Amino acid sequence: MKSICRAILGISSVAAVVAQAGERLPAIPPGQYNQEQKQAAADFEAARKAPLTGPFNVMMYSPQVMSRARAMGDYLRYHSAIGNTLSELVILMTARDWSQGYEWWSHYPIAVRAGIRQEIVDAIGAGKRPAAMSPDETIVYDYVNELLSKKKVSDATFNRAKARFGPKGLVDITGIVGYYTLLAMQLNAAQFPAPKDAYRLPTIPH
């Protein structure tokens, strides 16, 4: 009975998120998938061991885009050259830059579990430079911050990151920024909301 109740609650939670989705691109009920969408959903669940969520629901209107984005994310999120902890730092910075509530809600707890200190996460959420970062966190923060805010990276910052993480690491860091920018844009354009009880990112004037 408990397992049945948990299953019902889980289904209800998913349904609640779907129901909240903006009218622009509401999540497509699986029963209405065409054949290409069915295959894309099956491939997603086989790769991620989980059903579609958030931006992948939005991108299911173009299942080829969704599948190719998922495949890129399979590497950048889980297997990048900088490791999962620093990857989560990059993801949070990108979510903050795009004021993307769903992305932030999803990755805030993951980042803390991965080893990013709470004070660092909270500072990023407030749009402030975190204090007392580790050397690696500082290098990654400076690189990503310049890339997002200035749309380029200075020689000094680039060379410092290259010396620490190598060319592959730099490509992966930039790739994570680009990938989560893609997801943030899809979510923002579709007005896909974070859950009602999610932490709300402060509004930061630009």
C-alpha atoms as a PDB file:
ATOM      1  CA  MET A   1       0.000   0.000   0.000  1.00  0.00           C
ATOM      2  CA  LYS A   2       2.819   2.427   0.871  1.00  0.00           C
ATOM      3  CA  SER A   3       4.506   1.828  -2.467  1.00  0.00           C
ATOM      4  CA  ILE A   4       1.203   2.464  -4.261  1.00  0.00           C
ATOM      5  CA  CYS A   5       0.731   5.715  -2.340  1.00  0.00           C
ATOM      6  CA  ARG A   6       4.259   6.812  -3.184  1.00  0.00           C
ATOM      7  CA  ALA A   7       3.643   6.040  -6.843  1.00  0.00           C
ATOM      8  CA  ILE A   8       0.423   8.055  -6.808  1.00  0.00           C
ATOM      9  CA  LEU A   9       2.182  10.970  -5.139  1.00  0.00           C
ATOM     10  CA  GLY A  10       4.980  10.795  -7.706  1.00  0.00           C
ATOM     11  CA  ILE A  11       2.520  10.837 -10.584  1.00  0.00           C
ATOM     12  CA  SER A  12       0.668  13.724  -8.964  1.00  0.00           C
ATOM     13  CA  SER A  13       3.917  15.706  -8.619  1.00  0.00           C
ATOM     14  CA  VAL A  14       4.780  15.202 -12.278  1.00  0.00           C
ATOM     15  CA  ALA A  15       1.241  16.124 -13.297  1.00  0.00           C
ATOM     16  CA  ALA A  16       1.425  19.273 -11.194  1.00  0.00           C
ATOM     17  CA  VAL A  17       4.586  20.429 -12.952  1.00  0.00           C
ATOM     18  CA  VAL A  18       3.039  19.645 -16.351  1.00  0.00           C
ATOM     19  CA  ALA A  19      -0.133  21.508 -15.417  1.00  0.00           C
ATOM     20  CA  GLN A  20       1.916  24.560 -14.434  1.00  0.00           C
ATOM     21  CA  ALA A  21       3.656  24.693 -17.800  1.00  0.00           C
ATOM     22  CA  GLY A  22       3.063  27.912 -19.655  1.00  0.00           C
ATOM     23  CA  GLU A  23       0.420  27.935 -22.348  1.00  0.00           C
ATOM     24  CA  ARG A  24       3.050  28.750 -24.964  1.00  0.00           C
ATOM     25  CA  LEU A  25       4.461  25.210 -25.149  1.00  0.00           C
ATOM     26  CA  PRO A  26       2.690  23.014 -22.602  1.00  0.00           C
ATOM     27  CA  ALA A  27       4.154  19.557 -22.046  1.00  0.00           C
ATOM     28  CA  ILE A  28       2.741  17.068 -24.528  1.00  0.00           C
ATOM     29  CA  PRO A  29       0.918  14.170 -22.816  1.00  0.00           C
ATOM     30  CA  PRO A  30       2.806  10.939 -23.655  1.00  0.00           C
ATOM     31  CA  GLY A  31      -0.413   9.445 -24.994  1.00  0.00           C
ATOM     32  CA  GLN A  32      -0.379  12.096 -27.714  1.00  0.00           C
ATOM     33  CA  TYR A  33       3.210  11.516 -28.890  1.00  0.00           C
ATOM     34  CA  ASN A  34       3.712  10.750 -32.552  1.00  0.00           C
ATOM     35  CA  GLN A  35       6.051   7.912 -33.506  1.00  0.00           C
ATOM     36  CA  GLU A  36       9.146  10.118 -33.623  1.00  0.00           C
ATOM     37  CA  GLN A  37       8.337  11.556 -30.199  1.00  0.00           C
ATOM     38  CA  LYS A  38       7.738   8.075 -28.757  1.00  0.00           C
ATOM     39  CA  GLN A  39      11.161   6.961 -29.949  1.00  0.00           C
ATOM     40  CA  ALA A  40      12.820  10.127 -28.615  1.00  0.00           C
ATOM     41  CA  ALA A  41      11.167   9.626 -25.211  1.00  0.00           C
ATOM     42  CA  ALA A  42      12.239   5.979 -25.110  1.00  0.00           C
ATOM     43  CA  ASP A  43      15.823   6.933 -25.984  1.00  0.00           C
ATOM     44  CA  PHE A  44      15.785   9.620 -23.275  1.00  0.00           C
ATOM     45  CA  GLU A  45      14.552   7.238 -20.583  1.00  0.00           C
ATOM     46  CA  ALA A  46      17.069   4.577 -21.624  1.00  0.00           C
ATOM     47  CA  ALA A  47      19.934   7.080 -21.364  1.00  0.00           C
ATOM     48  CA  ARG A  48      18.848   9.011 -18.262  1.00  0.00           C
ATOM     49  CA  LYS A  49      16.915   6.272 -16.401  1.00  0.00           C
ATOM     50  CA  ALA A  50      14.195   8.859 -15.784  1.00  0.00           C
ATOM     51  CA  PRO A  51      11.223  10.394 -17.626  1.00  0.00           C
ATOM     52  CA  LEU A  52      11.427  13.708 -19.454  1.00  0.00           C
ATOM     53  CA  THR A  53      11.467  16.831 -17.321  1.00  0.00           C
ATOM     54  CA  GLY A  54      11.614  20.608 -17.754  1.00  0.00           C
ATOM     55  CA  PRO A  55      13.360  21.741 -20.922  1.00  0.00           C
ATOM     56  CA  PHE A  56      13.140  18.291 -22.500  1.00  0.00           C
ATOM     57  CA  ASN A  57       9.347  18.454 -22.304  1.00  0.00           C
ATOM     58  CA  VAL A  58       9.515  21.795 -24.100  1.00  0.00           C
ATOM     59  CA  MET A  59      11.903  20.508 -26.755  1.00  0.00           C
ATOM     60  CA  MET A  60       9.737  17.438 -27.417  1.00  0.00           C
ATOM     61  CA  TYR A  61       7.909  19.588 -29.973  1.00  0.00           C
ATOM     62  CA  SER A  62      11.096  19.069 -32.012  1.00  0.00           C
ATOM     63  CA  PRO A  63      12.206  15.595 -30.938  1.00  0.00           C
ATOM     64  CA  GLN A  64      15.414  15.690 -32.961  1.00  0.00           C
ATOM     65  CA  VAL A  65      16.500  18.846 -31.120  1.00  0.00           C
ATOM     66  CA  MET A  66      15.533  17.224 -27.816  1.00  0.00           C
ATOM     67  CA  SER A  67      17.462  14.033 -28.526  1.00  0.00           C
ATOM     68  CA  ARG A  68      20.586  15.831 -29.702  1.00  0.00           C
ATOM     69  CA  ALA A  69      20.477  18.180 -26.706  1.00  0.00           C
ATOM     70  CA  ARG A  70      20.069  15.210 -24.364  1.00  0.00           C
ATOM     71  CA  ALA A  71      23.065  13.464 -25.917  1.00  0.00           C
ATOM     72  CA  MET A  72      25.256  16.539 -25.459  1.00  0.00           C
ATOM     73  CA  GLY A  73      24.056  16.846 -21.883  1.00  0.00           C
ATOM     74  CA  ASP A  74      24.859  13.200 -21.193  1.00  0.00           C
ATOM     75  CA  TYR A  75      28.523  14.106 -21.594  1.00  0.00           C
ATOM     76  CA  LEU A  76      28.676  17.683 -20.344  1.00  0.00           C
ATOM     77  CA  ARG A  77      26.684  17.095 -17.172  1.00  0.00           C
ATOM     78  CA  TYR A  78      28.041  13.706 -16.139  1.00  0.00           C
ATOM     79  CA  HIS A  79      31.435  13.187 -17.784  1.00  0.00           C
ATOM     80  CA  SER A  80      33.088  16.550 -18.474  1.00  0.00           C
ATOM     81  CA  ALA A  81      36.818  17.046 -18.058  1.00  0.00           C
ATOM     82  CA  ILE A  82      36.316  19.347 -15.042  1.00  0.00           C
ATOM     83  CA  GLY A  83      34.282  16.864 -12.984  1.00  0.00           C
ATOM     84  CA  ASN A  84      30.729  16.975 -11.674  1.00  0.00           C
ATOM     85  CA  THR A  85      31.309  19.380  -8.784  1.00  0.00           C
ATOM     86  CA  LEU A  86      32.769  22.199 -10.847  1.00  0.00           C
ATOM     87  CA  SER A  87      30.243  21.463 -13.587  1.00  0.00           C
ATOM     88  CA  GLU A  88      27.462  22.241 -11.135  1.00  0.00           C
ATOM     89  CA  LEU A  89      29.113  25.564 -10.321  1.00  0.00           C
ATOM     90  CA  VAL A  90      29.031  26.433 -14.026  1.00  0.00           C
ATOM     91  CA  ILE A  91      25.391  25.332 -14.308  1.00  0.00           C
ATOM     92  CA  LEU A  92      24.305  27.525 -11.388  1.00  0.00           C
ATOM     93  CA  MET A  93      26.127  30.533 -12.805  1.00  0.00           C
ATOM     94  CA  THR A  94      24.420  30.031 -16.165  1.00  0.00           C
ATOM     95  CA  ALA A  95      21.003  29.612 -14.550  1.00  0.00           C
ATOM     96  CA  ARG A  96      21.589  32.799 -12.558  1.00  0.00           C
ATOM     97  CA  ASP A  97      22.675  34.727 -15.648  1.00  0.00           C
ATOM     98  CA  TRP A  98      19.436  33.756 -17.421  1.00  0.00           C
ATOM     99  CA  SER A  99      17.306  34.145 -14.258  1.00  0.00           C
ATOM    100  CA  GLN A 100      16.108  30.625 -14.981  1.00  0.00           C
ATOM    101  CA  GLY A 101      14.061  29.454 -11.998  1.00  0.00           C
ATOM    102  CA  TYR A 102      13.438  25.869 -13.080  1.00  0.00           C
ATOM    103  CA  GLU A 103      17.115  25.276 -13.900  1.00  0.00           C
ATOM    104  CA  TRP A 104      18.124  26.798 -10.555  1.00  0.00           C
ATOM    105  CA  TRP A 105      15.527  24.766  -8.631  1.00  0.00           C
ATOM    106  CA  SER A 106      16.751  21.588 -10.296  1.00  0.00           C
ATOM    107  CA  HIS A 107      20.479  22.114  -9.755  1.00  0.00           C
ATOM    108  CA  TYR A 108      20.644  23.989  -6.435  1.00  0.00           C
ATOM    109  CA  PRO A 109      20.403  20.782  -4.331  1.00  0.00           C
ATOM    110  CA  ILE A 110      22.573  18.830  -6.766  1.00  0.00           C
ATOM    111  CA  ALA A 111      25.354  21.408  -6.464  1.00  0.00           C
ATOM    112  CA  VAL A 112      25.260  21.301  -2.657  1.00  0.00           C
ATOM    113  CA  ARG A 113      25.346  17.496  -2.643  1.00  0.00           C
ATOM    114  CA  ALA A 114      28.238  17.571  -5.127  1.00  0.00           C
ATOM    115  CA  GLY A 115      30.308  19.678  -2.731  1.00  0.00           C
ATOM    116  CA  ILE A 116      29.651  23.331  -3.606  1.00  0.00           C
ATOM    117  CA  ARG A 117      29.359  25.115  -0.260  1.00  0.00           C
ATOM    118  CA  GLN A 118      26.020  26.643   0.644  1.00  0.00           C
ATOM    119  CA  GLU A 119      27.541  30.120   0.996  1.00  0.00           C
ATOM    120  CA  ILE A 120      28.868  29.936  -2.556  1.00  0.00           C
ATOM    121  CA  VAL A 121      25.525  28.792  -3.951  1.00  0.00           C
ATOM    122  CA  ASP A 122      23.659  31.534  -2.089  1.00  0.00           C
ATOM    123  CA  ALA A 123      26.084  34.236  -3.255  1.00  0.00           C
ATOM    124  CA  ILE A 124      25.635  33.180  -6.879  1.00  0.00           C
ATOM    125  CA  GLY A 125      21.871  33.219  -6.409  1.00  0.00           C
ATOM    126  CA  ALA A 126      22.110  36.787  -5.116  1.00  0.00           C
ATOM    127  CA  GLY A 127      24.273  37.822  -8.072  1.00  0.00           C
ATOM    128  CA  LYS A 128      27.369  38.331  -5.932  1.00  0.00           C
ATOM    129  CA  ARG A 129      30.916  37.033  -6.195  1.00  0.00           C
ATOM    130  CA  PRO A 130      31.302  34.268  -3.599  1.00  0.00           C
ATOM    131  CA  ALA A 131      33.942  34.681  -0.903  1.00  0.00           C
ATOM    132  CA  ALA A 132      36.508  32.051   0.052  1.00  0.00           C
ATOM    133  CA  MET A 133      36.264  29.869  -3.042  1.00  0.00           C
ATOM    134  CA  SER A 134      38.799  27.108  -3.608  1.00  0.00           C
ATOM    135  CA  PRO A 135      41.527  27.775  -6.223  1.00  0.00           C
ATOM    136  CA  ASP A 136      39.716  25.612  -8.792  1.00  0.00           C
ATOM    137  CA  GLU A 137      36.366  27.255  -8.051  1.00  0.00           C
ATOM    138  CA  THR A 138      37.958  30.669  -8.448  1.00  0.00           C
ATOM    139  CA  ILE A 139      39.455  29.809 -11.834  1.00  0.00           C
ATOM    140  CA  VAL A 140      36.164  28.400 -13.110  1.00  0.00           C
ATOM    141  CA  TYR A 141      34.133  31.271 -11.656  1.00  0.00           C
ATOM    142  CA  ASP A 142      36.342  33.926 -13.253  1.00  0.00           C
ATOM    143  CA  TYR A 143      36.278  32.210 -16.652  1.00  0.00           C
ATOM    144  CA  VAL A 144      32.513  31.700 -16.689  1.00  0.00           C
ATOM    145  CA  ASN A 145      31.772  35.119 -15.231  1.00  0.00           C
ATOM    146  CA  GLU A 146      33.745  36.859 -17.976  1.00  0.00           C
ATOM    147  CA  LEU A 147      32.206  34.689 -20.680  1.00  0.00           C
ATOM    148  CA  LEU A 148      28.663  35.416 -19.500  1.00  0.00           C
ATOM    149  CA  SER A 149      29.043  39.083 -18.599  1.00  0.00           C
ATOM    150  CA  LYS A 150      31.483  40.256 -21.286  1.00  0.00           C
ATOM    151  CA  LYS A 151      30.788  37.659 -23.995  1.00  0.00           C
ATOM    152  CA  LYS A 152      34.535  37.033 -24.191  1.00  0.00           C
ATOM    153  CA  VAL A 153      37.424  35.970 -21.933  1.00  0.00           C
ATOM    154  CA  SER A 154      40.609  37.933 -21.277  1.00  0.00           C
ATOM    155  CA  ASP A 155      44.009  36.424 -22.068  1.00  0.00           C
ATOM    156  CA  ALA A 156      44.942  36.288 -18.391  1.00  0.00           C
ATOM    157  CA  THR A 157      41.760  34.461 -17.383  1.00  0.00           C
ATOM    158  CA  PHE A 158      41.910  32.139 -20.392  1.00  0.00           C
ATOM    159  CA  ASN A 159      45.541  31.204 -19.825  1.00  0.00           C
ATOM    160  CA  ARG A 160      45.007  30.601 -16.117  1.00  0.00           C
ATOM    161  CA  ALA A 161      42.116  28.225 -16.861  1.00  0.00           C
ATOM    162  CA  LYS A 162      44.039  26.527 -19.659  1.00  0.00           C
ATOM    163  CA  ALA A 163      47.047  25.939 -17.395  1.00  0.00           C
ATOM    164  CA  ARG A 164      44.797  24.263 -14.814  1.00  0.00           C
ATOM    165  CA  PHE A 165      42.301  22.327 -16.943  1.00  0.00           C
ATOM    166  CA  GLY A 166      43.954  22.055 -20.348  1.00  0.00           C
ATOM    167  CA  PRO A 167      42.394  22.741 -23.763  1.00  0.00           C
ATOM    168  CA  LYS A 168      39.815  19.964 -23.326  1.00  0.00           C
ATOM    169  CA  GLY A 169      38.753  21.392 -19.970  1.00  0.00           C
ATOM    170  CA  LEU A 170      38.279  24.838 -21.503  1.00  0.00           C
ATOM    171  CA  VAL A 171      36.157  23.456 -24.331  1.00  0.00           C
ATOM    172  CA  ASP A 172      34.070  21.539 -21.800  1.00  0.00           C
ATOM    173  CA  ILE A 173      33.564  24.547 -19.512  1.00  0.00           C
ATOM    174  CA  THR A 174      32.453  26.653 -22.471  1.00  0.00           C
ATOM    175  CA  GLY A 175      30.298  23.763 -23.645  1.00  0.00           C
ATOM    176  CA  ILE A 176      28.506  23.554 -20.282  1.00  0.00           C
ATOM    177  CA  VAL A 177      27.776  27.284 -20.406  1.00  0.00           C
ATOM    178  CA  GLY A 178      26.443  26.952 -23.942  1.00  0.00           C
ATOM    179  CA  TYR A 179      24.392  23.842 -23.221  1.00  0.00           C
ATOM    180  CA  TYR A 180      22.685  25.236 -20.145  1.00  0.00           C
ATOM    181  CA  THR A 181      22.161  28.524 -21.960  1.00  0.00           C
ATOM    182  CA  LEU A 182      20.256  26.540 -24.601  1.00  0.00           C
ATOM    183  CA  LEU A 183      18.107  24.890 -21.922  1.00  0.00           C
ATOM    184  CA  ALA A 184      17.530  28.224 -20.164  1.00  0.00           C
ATOM    185  CA  MET A 185      16.447  29.885 -23.402  1.00  0.00           C
ATOM    186  CA  GLN A 186      14.015  27.069 -24.164  1.00  0.00           C
ATOM    187  CA  LEU A 187      12.505  27.329 -20.678  1.00  0.00           C
ATOM    188  CA  ASN A 188      12.346  31.129 -20.680  1.00  0.00           C
ATOM    189  CA  ALA A 189      10.825  31.325 -24.146  1.00  0.00           C
ATOM    190  CA  ALA A 190       8.187  28.723 -23.240  1.00  0.00           C
ATOM    191  CA  GLN A 191       7.596  30.342 -19.822  1.00  0.00           C
ATOM    192  CA  PHE A 192       8.018  26.939 -18.198  1.00  0.00           C
ATOM    193  CA  PRO A 193       7.765  27.572 -14.444  1.00  0.00           C
ATOM    194  CA  ALA A 194       9.621  26.215 -11.463  1.00  0.00           C
ATOM    195  CA  PRO A 195       7.420  24.504  -8.856  1.00  0.00           C
ATOM    196  CA  LYS A 196       5.423  26.951  -6.759  1.00  0.00           C
ATOM    197  CA  ASP A 197       7.405  26.188  -3.596  1.00  0.00           C
ATOM    198  CA  ALA A 198      10.808  26.576  -5.298  1.00  0.00           C
ATOM    199  CA  TYR A 199      13.346  29.165  -4.141  1.00  0.00           C
ATOM    200  CA  ARG A 200      12.859  32.307  -6.197  1.00  0.00           C
ATOM    201  CA  LEU A 201      15.946  33.855  -7.676  1.00  0.00           C
ATOM    202  CA  PRO A 202      16.222  37.524  -6.720  1.00  0.00           C
ATOM    203  CA  THR A 203      15.662  39.999  -9.529  1.00  0.00           C
ATOM    204  CA  ILE A 204      18.968  41.581 -10.527  1.00  0.00           C
ATOM    205  CA  PRO A 205      18.892  44.749 -12.644  1.00  0.00           C
ATOM    206  CA  HIS A 206      21.022  44.589 -15.795  1.00  0.00           C
END
